[in-house]
Amino acid sequence: MKARVHVMLKNGVLDPQGEAVRHALGSLGFEGVSGVRQGKVIELDLADGTSEATITQMCEKLLANTVIESYKVEVL
């Protein structure tokens, strides 16, 4: 079984990488981009029958810093 975890900085947390991408897009001539938030996607290959609760524990303990990041689990 596969799962995909989307991790993003929470709203209100500064995102210097996203700001750098926004600035670079403007420098390349792409106008109208007023904000960029950069995150990460983690794909997991799991044993069949792994519960979503187990995946959530993985996120809470390692994959996301829940103080500043939010995450969404997608079972594929």
PDB file of N, CA and C in Angstrom:
ATOM      1  N   MET A   1       0.849  -1.175   0.000  1.00  0.00           N
ATOM      2  CA  MET A   1       0.000   0.000   0.000  1.00  0.00           C
ATOM      3  C   MET A   1       0.891   1.232   0.000  1.00  0.00           C
ATOM      4  N   LYS A   2       0.362   2.300  -0.537  1.00  0.00           N
ATOM      5  CA  LYS A   2       1.121   3.550  -0.610  1.00  0.00           C
ATOM      6  C   LYS A   2       0.342   4.661   0.078  1.00  0.00           C
ATOM      7  N   ALA A   3       1.092   5.597   0.626  1.00  0.00           N
ATOM      8  CA  ALA A   3       0.494   6.792   1.214  1.00  0.00           C
ATOM      9  C   ALA A   3       1.358   7.982   0.826  1.00  0.00           C
ATOM     10  N   ARG A   4       0.716   9.100   0.701  1.00  0.00           N
ATOM     11  CA  ARG A   4       1.408  10.352   0.389  1.00  0.00           C
ATOM     12  C   ARG A   4       1.073  11.337   1.501  1.00  0.00           C
ATOM     13  N   VAL A   5       2.112  11.978   2.032  1.00  0.00           N
ATOM     14  CA  VAL A   5       1.945  12.969   3.091  1.00  0.00           C
ATOM     15  C   VAL A   5       2.374  14.322   2.546  1.00  0.00           C
ATOM     16  N   HIS A   6       1.471  15.285   2.599  1.00  0.00           N
ATOM     17  CA  HIS A   6       1.762  16.655   2.161  1.00  0.00           C
ATOM     18  C   HIS A   6       2.028  17.482   3.420  1.00  0.00           C
ATOM     19  N   VAL A   7       3.200  18.107   3.481  1.00  0.00           N
ATOM     20  CA  VAL A   7       3.589  18.897   4.649  1.00  0.00           C
ATOM     21  C   VAL A   7       3.810  20.343   4.193  1.00  0.00           C
ATOM     22  N   MET A   8       3.165  21.276   4.889  1.00  0.00           N
ATOM     23  CA  MET A   8       3.294  22.700   4.572  1.00  0.00           C
ATOM     24  C   MET A   8       3.492  23.493   5.863  1.00  0.00           C
ATOM     25  N   LEU A   9       4.186  24.608   5.748  1.00  0.00           N
ATOM     26  CA  LEU A   9       4.263  25.508   6.888  1.00  0.00           C
ATOM     27  C   LEU A   9       2.873  26.049   7.185  1.00  0.00           C
ATOM     28  N   LYS A  10       2.575  26.212   8.459  1.00  0.00           N
ATOM     29  CA  LYS A  10       1.276  26.764   8.844  1.00  0.00           C
ATOM     30  C   LYS A  10       1.184  28.218   8.413  1.00  0.00           C
ATOM     31  N   ASN A  11      -0.055  28.686   8.218  1.00  0.00           N
ATOM     32  CA  ASN A  11      -0.274  30.095   7.894  1.00  0.00           C
ATOM     33  C   ASN A  11       0.297  30.943   9.028  1.00  0.00           C
ATOM     34  N   GLY A  12       0.938  32.025   8.664  1.00  0.00           N
ATOM     35  CA  GLY A  12       1.526  32.912   9.655  1.00  0.00           C
ATOM     36  C   GLY A  12       2.992  32.621   9.933  1.00  0.00           C
ATOM     37  N   VAL A  13       3.480  31.448   9.511  1.00  0.00           N
ATOM     38  CA  VAL A  13       4.894  31.112   9.681  1.00  0.00           C
ATOM     39  C   VAL A  13       5.630  31.609   8.440  1.00  0.00           C
ATOM     40  N   LEU A  14       6.702  32.358   8.651  1.00  0.00           N
ATOM     41  CA  LEU A  14       7.473  32.874   7.520  1.00  0.00           C
ATOM     42  C   LEU A  14       8.034  31.726   6.686  1.00  0.00           C
ATOM     43  N   ASP A  15       8.004  31.900   5.373  1.00  0.00           N
ATOM     44  CA  ASP A  15       8.467  30.878   4.443  1.00  0.00           C
ATOM     45  C   ASP A  15       9.553  31.495   3.551  1.00  0.00           C
ATOM     46  N   PRO A  16      10.807  31.524   4.007  1.00  0.00           N
ATOM     47  CA  PRO A  16      11.858  32.163   3.216  1.00  0.00           C
ATOM     48  C   PRO A  16      12.099  31.477   1.870  1.00  0.00           C
ATOM     49  N   GLN A  17      11.941  30.152   1.807  1.00  0.00           N
ATOM     50  CA  GLN A  17      12.114  29.470   0.521  1.00  0.00           C
ATOM     51  C   GLN A  17      11.015  29.874  -0.457  1.00  0.00           C
ATOM     52  N   GLY A  18       9.797  29.936   0.030  1.00  0.00           N
ATOM     53  CA  GLY A  18       8.695  30.371  -0.826  1.00  0.00           C
ATOM     54  C   GLY A  18       8.895  31.789  -1.320  1.00  0.00           C
ATOM     55  N   GLU A  19       9.375  32.665  -0.442  1.00  0.00           N
ATOM     56  CA  GLU A  19       9.634  34.050  -0.833  1.00  0.00           C
ATOM     57  C   GLU A  19      10.744  34.123  -1.876  1.00  0.00           C
ATOM     58  N   ALA A  20      11.772  33.290  -1.738  1.00  0.00           N
ATOM     59  CA  ALA A  20      12.852  33.255  -2.734  1.00  0.00           C
ATOM     60  C   ALA A  20      12.327  32.796  -4.086  1.00  0.00           C
ATOM     61  N   VAL A  21      11.438  31.806  -4.092  1.00  0.00           N
ATOM     62  CA  VAL A  21      10.845  31.332  -5.345  1.00  0.00           C
ATOM     63  C   VAL A  21       9.985  32.430  -5.965  1.00  0.00           C
ATOM     64  N   ARG A  22       9.182  33.123  -5.141  1.00  0.00           N
ATOM     65  CA  ARG A  22       8.343  34.209  -5.645  1.00  0.00           C
ATOM     66  C   ARG A  22       9.209  35.284  -6.291  1.00  0.00           C
ATOM     67  N   HIS A  23      10.292  35.634  -5.628  1.00  0.00           N
ATOM     68  CA  HIS A  23      11.192  36.664  -6.168  1.00  0.00           C
ATOM     69  C   HIS A  23      11.829  36.189  -7.472  1.00  0.00           C
ATOM     70  N   ALA A  24      12.272  34.937  -7.518  1.00  0.00           N
ATOM     71  CA  ALA A  24      12.899  34.397  -8.728  1.00  0.00           C
ATOM     72  C   ALA A  24      11.916  34.364  -9.893  1.00  0.00           C
ATOM     73  N   LEU A  25      10.666  34.009  -9.629  1.00  0.00           N
ATOM     74  CA  LEU A  25       9.662  34.008 -10.696  1.00  0.00           C
ATOM     75  C   LEU A  25       9.484  35.406 -11.270  1.00  0.00           C
ATOM     76  N   GLY A  26       9.437  36.409 -10.400  1.00  0.00           N
ATOM     77  CA  GLY A  26       9.343  37.791 -10.868  1.00  0.00           C
ATOM     78  C   GLY A  26      10.541  38.183 -11.703  1.00  0.00           C
ATOM     79  N   SER A  27      11.737  37.759 -11.278  1.00  0.00           N
ATOM     80  CA  SER A  27      12.960  38.061 -12.021  1.00  0.00           C
ATOM     81  C   SER A  27      12.970  37.410 -13.395  1.00  0.00           C
ATOM     82  N   LEU A  28      12.269  36.294 -13.525  1.00  0.00           N
ATOM     83  CA  LEU A  28      12.196  35.594 -14.812  1.00  0.00           C
ATOM     84  C   LEU A  28      11.066  36.112 -15.696  1.00  0.00           C
ATOM     85  N   GLY A  29      10.358  37.129 -15.213  1.00  0.00           N
ATOM     86  CA  GLY A  29       9.322  37.742 -16.031  1.00  0.00           C
ATOM     87  C   GLY A  29       7.914  37.227 -15.774  1.00  0.00           C
ATOM     88  N   PHE A  30       7.743  36.368 -14.800  1.00  0.00           N
ATOM     89  CA  PHE A  30       6.405  35.869 -14.475  1.00  0.00           C
ATOM     90  C   PHE A  30       5.752  36.847 -13.512  1.00  0.00           C
ATOM     91  N   GLU A  31       4.826  37.638 -14.060  1.00  0.00           N
ATOM     92  CA  GLU A  31       4.184  38.675 -13.269  1.00  0.00           C
ATOM     93  C   GLU A  31       2.924  38.139 -12.607  1.00  0.00           C
ATOM     94  N   GLY A  32       2.497  38.813 -11.564  1.00  0.00           N
ATOM     95  CA  GLY A  32       1.231  38.487 -10.932  1.00  0.00           C
ATOM     96  C   GLY A  32       1.317  37.423  -9.847  1.00  0.00           C
ATOM     97  N   VAL A  33       2.521  36.965  -9.513  1.00  0.00           N
ATOM     98  CA  VAL A  33       2.658  35.989  -8.430  1.00  0.00           C
ATOM     99  C   VAL A  33       2.865  36.787  -7.145  1.00  0.00           C
ATOM    100  N   SER A  34       1.854  36.796  -6.296  1.00  0.00           N
ATOM    101  CA  SER A  34       1.940  37.619  -5.086  1.00  0.00           C
ATOM    102  C   SER A  34       2.377  36.826  -3.865  1.00  0.00           C
ATOM    103  N   GLY A  35       2.403  35.512  -3.965  1.00  0.00           N
ATOM    104  CA  GLY A  35       2.845  34.708  -2.828  1.00  0.00           C
ATOM    105  C   GLY A  35       3.122  33.278  -3.238  1.00  0.00           C
ATOM    106  N   VAL A  36       4.104  32.679  -2.584  1.00  0.00           N
ATOM    107  CA  VAL A  36       4.447  31.272  -2.820  1.00  0.00           C
ATOM    108  C   VAL A  36       4.680  30.628  -1.463  1.00  0.00           C
ATOM    109  N   ARG A  37       4.093  29.468  -1.244  1.00  0.00           N
ATOM    110  CA  ARG A  37       4.356  28.655  -0.052  1.00  0.00           C
ATOM    111  C   ARG A  37       4.979  27.359  -0.553  1.00  0.00           C
ATOM    112  N   GLN A  38       6.126  27.024  -0.023  1.00  0.00           N
ATOM    113  CA  GLN A  38       6.802  25.805  -0.446  1.00  0.00           C
ATOM    114  C   GLN A  38       6.647  24.751   0.631  1.00  0.00           C
ATOM    115  N   GLY A  39       6.395  23.524   0.223  1.00  0.00           N
ATOM    116  CA  GLY A  39       6.232  22.427   1.160  1.00  0.00           C
ATOM    117  C   GLY A  39       6.984  21.202   0.686  1.00  0.00           C
ATOM    118  N   LYS A  40       6.608  20.068   1.235  1.00  0.00           N
ATOM    119  CA  LYS A  40       7.240  18.825   0.818  1.00  0.00           C
ATOM    120  C   LYS A  40       6.184  17.732   0.724  1.00  0.00           C
ATOM    121  N   VAL A  41       6.475  16.762  -0.133  1.00  0.00           N
ATOM    122  CA  VAL A  41       5.614  15.599  -0.303  1.00  0.00           C
ATOM    123  C   VAL A  41       6.460  14.378   0.022  1.00  0.00           C
ATOM    124  N   ILE A  42       5.930  13.524   0.903  1.00  0.00           N
ATOM    125  CA  ILE A  42       6.631  12.306   1.301  1.00  0.00           C
ATOM    126  C   ILE A  42       5.765  11.126   0.872  1.00  0.00           C
ATOM    127  N   GLU A  43       6.320  10.235   0.061  1.00  0.00           N
ATOM    128  CA  GLU A  43       5.595   9.048  -0.364  1.00  0.00           C
ATOM    129  C   GLU A  43       6.115   7.851   0.415  1.00  0.00           C
ATOM    130  N   LEU A  44       5.189   7.101   0.971  1.00  0.00           N
ATOM    131  CA  LEU A  44       5.532   5.950   1.800  1.00  0.00           C
ATOM    132  C   LEU A  44       5.044   4.664   1.144  1.00  0.00           C
ATOM    133  N   ASP A  45       5.900   3.650   1.088  1.00  0.00           N
ATOM    134  CA  ASP A  45       5.499   2.296   0.707  1.00  0.00           C
ATOM    135  C   ASP A  45       5.310   1.538   2.009  1.00  0.00           C
ATOM    136  N   LEU A  46       4.092   1.107   2.269  1.00  0.00           N
ATOM    137  CA  LEU A  46       3.740   0.514   3.549  1.00  0.00           C
ATOM    138  C   LEU A  46       3.201  -0.897   3.376  1.00  0.00           C
ATOM    139  N   ALA A  47       3.270  -1.668   4.449  1.00  0.00           N
ATOM    140  CA  ALA A  47       2.670  -3.003   4.437  1.00  0.00           C
ATOM    141  C   ALA A  47       1.160  -2.869   4.279  1.00  0.00           C
ATOM    142  N   ASP A  48       0.564  -3.781   3.540  1.00  0.00           N
ATOM    143  CA  ASP A  48      -0.893  -3.777   3.392  1.00  0.00           C
ATOM    144  C   ASP A  48      -1.541  -3.801   4.764  1.00  0.00           C
ATOM    145  N   GLY A  49      -2.590  -3.041   4.917  1.00  0.00           N
ATOM    146  CA  GLY A  49      -3.320  -3.013   6.173  1.00  0.00           C
ATOM    147  C   GLY A  49      -2.800  -2.013   7.183  1.00  0.00           C
ATOM    148  N   THR A  50      -1.754  -1.254   6.832  1.00  0.00           N
ATOM    149  CA  THR A  50      -1.266  -0.224   7.749  1.00  0.00           C
ATOM    150  C   THR A  50      -2.379   0.793   7.954  1.00  0.00           C
ATOM    151  N   SER A  51      -2.676   1.087   9.188  1.00  0.00           N
ATOM    152  CA  SER A  51      -3.804   1.979   9.478  1.00  0.00           C
ATOM    153  C   SER A  51      -3.418   3.440   9.278  1.00  0.00           C
ATOM    154  N   GLU A  52      -4.435   4.243   9.021  1.00  0.00           N
ATOM    155  CA  GLU A  52      -4.194   5.682   8.898  1.00  0.00           C
ATOM    156  C   GLU A  52      -3.736   6.251  10.233  1.00  0.00           C
ATOM    157  N   ALA A  53      -4.143   5.648  11.329  1.00  0.00           N
ATOM    158  CA  ALA A  53      -3.683   6.084  12.652  1.00  0.00           C
ATOM    159  C   ALA A  53      -2.173   5.902  12.789  1.00  0.00           C
ATOM    160  N   THR A  54      -1.643   4.816  12.232  1.00  0.00           N
ATOM    161  CA  THR A  54      -0.202   4.583  12.266  1.00  0.00           C
ATOM    162  C   THR A  54       0.528   5.635  11.435  1.00  0.00           C
ATOM    163  N   ILE A  55      -0.019   5.963  10.283  1.00  0.00           N
ATOM    164  CA  ILE A  55       0.590   6.988   9.430  1.00  0.00           C
ATOM    165  C   ILE A  55       0.565   8.335  10.150  1.00  0.00           C
ATOM    166  N   THR A  56      -0.540   8.625  10.817  1.00  0.00           N
ATOM    167  CA  THR A  56      -0.645   9.862  11.586  1.00  0.00           C
ATOM    168  C   THR A  56       0.424   9.910  12.673  1.00  0.00           C
ATOM    169  N   GLN A  57       0.663   8.796  13.336  1.00  0.00           N
ATOM    170  CA  GLN A  57       1.722   8.747  14.358  1.00  0.00           C
ATOM    171  C   GLN A  57       3.083   9.028  13.739  1.00  0.00           C
ATOM    172  N   MET A  58       3.324   8.504  12.541  1.00  0.00           N
ATOM    173  CA  MET A  58       4.584   8.764  11.844  1.00  0.00           C
ATOM    174  C   MET A  58       4.756  10.262  11.600  1.00  0.00           C
ATOM    175  N   CYS A  59       3.672  10.900  11.183  1.00  0.00           N
ATOM    176  CA  CYS A  59       3.702  12.337  10.914  1.00  0.00           C
ATOM    177  C   CYS A  59       3.975  13.121  12.190  1.00  0.00           C
ATOM    178  N   GLU A  60       3.272  12.770  13.248  1.00  0.00           N
ATOM    179  CA  GLU A  60       3.378  13.494  14.508  1.00  0.00           C
ATOM    180  C   GLU A  60       4.759  13.348  15.144  1.00  0.00           C
ATOM    181  N   LYS A  61       5.386  12.173  14.966  1.00  0.00           N
ATOM    182  CA  LYS A  61       6.659  11.903  15.626  1.00  0.00           C
ATOM    183  C   LYS A  61       7.883  12.270  14.791  1.00  0.00           C
ATOM    184  N   LEU A  62       7.745  12.265  13.447  1.00  0.00           N
ATOM    185  CA  LEU A  62       8.940  12.461  12.626  1.00  0.00           C
ATOM    186  C   LEU A  62       8.730  13.304  11.373  1.00  0.00           C
ATOM    187  N   LEU A  63       7.699  13.021  10.618  1.00  0.00           N
ATOM    188  CA  LEU A  63       7.600  13.590   9.270  1.00  0.00           C
ATOM    189  C   LEU A  63       7.234  15.061   9.237  1.00  0.00           C
ATOM    190  N   ALA A  64       6.548  15.552  10.254  1.00  0.00           N
ATOM    191  CA  ALA A  64       6.151  16.967  10.290  1.00  0.00           C
ATOM    192  C   ALA A  64       6.481  17.548  11.657  1.00  0.00           C
ATOM    193  N   ASN A  65       6.935  18.774  11.645  1.00  0.00           N
ATOM    194  CA  ASN A  65       7.134  19.521  12.887  1.00  0.00           C
ATOM    195  C   ASN A  65       5.809  20.221  13.157  1.00  0.00           C
ATOM    196  N   THR A  66       4.981  19.613  13.983  1.00  0.00           N
ATOM    197  CA  THR A  66       3.606  20.092  14.147  1.00  0.00           C
ATOM    198  C   THR A  66       3.499  21.445  14.840  1.00  0.00           C
ATOM    199  N   VAL A  67       4.604  21.957  15.353  1.00  0.00           N
ATOM    200  CA  VAL A  67       4.583  23.302  15.928  1.00  0.00           C
ATOM    201  C   VAL A  67       4.429  24.334  14.815  1.00  0.00           C
ATOM    202  N   ILE A  68       5.118  24.108  13.689  1.00  0.00           N
ATOM    203  CA  ILE A  68       5.107  25.100  12.613  1.00  0.00           C
ATOM    204  C   ILE A  68       4.564  24.557  11.289  1.00  0.00           C
ATOM    205  N   GLU A  69       4.313  23.248  11.211  1.00  0.00           N
ATOM    206  CA  GLU A  69       3.864  22.649   9.959  1.00  0.00           C
ATOM    207  C   GLU A  69       2.522  21.941  10.146  1.00  0.00           C
ATOM    208  N   SER A  70       1.747  21.930   9.073  1.00  0.00           N
ATOM    209  CA  SER A  70       0.537  21.116   9.030  1.00  0.00           C
ATOM    210  C   SER A  70       0.779  20.012   7.993  1.00  0.00           C
ATOM    211  N   TYR A  71      -0.011  18.971   8.073  1.00  0.00           N
ATOM    212  CA  TYR A  71       0.156  17.873   7.129  1.00  0.00           C
ATOM    213  C   TYR A  71      -1.203  17.288   6.763  1.00  0.00           C
ATOM    214  N   LYS A  72      -1.211  16.630   5.598  1.00  0.00           N
ATOM    215  CA  LYS A  72      -2.412  15.952   5.120  1.00  0.00           C
ATOM    216  C   LYS A  72      -1.976  14.589   4.607  1.00  0.00           C
ATOM    217  N   VAL A  73      -2.669  13.543   5.048  1.00  0.00           N
ATOM    218  CA  VAL A  73      -2.352  12.174   4.636  1.00  0.00           C
ATOM    219  C   VAL A  73      -3.303  11.773   3.527  1.00  0.00           C
ATOM    220  N   GLU A  74      -2.735  11.187   2.487  1.00  0.00           N
ATOM    221  CA  GLU A  74      -3.512  10.684   1.357  1.00  0.00           C
ATOM    222  C   GLU A  74      -3.134   9.205   1.149  1.00  0.00           C
ATOM    223  N   VAL A  75      -4.062   8.304   1.409  1.00  0.00           N
ATOM    224  CA  VAL A  75      -3.812   6.886   1.185  1.00  0.00           C
ATOM    225  C   VAL A  75      -4.117   6.582  -0.279  1.00  0.00           C
ATOM    226  N   LEU A  76      -3.165   6.005  -0.963  1.00  0.00           N
ATOM    227  CA  LEU A  76      -3.306   5.760  -2.407  1.00  0.00           C
ATOM    228  C   LEU A  76      -3.739   4.346  -2.702  1.00  0.00           C
TER     229      LEU A  76
END
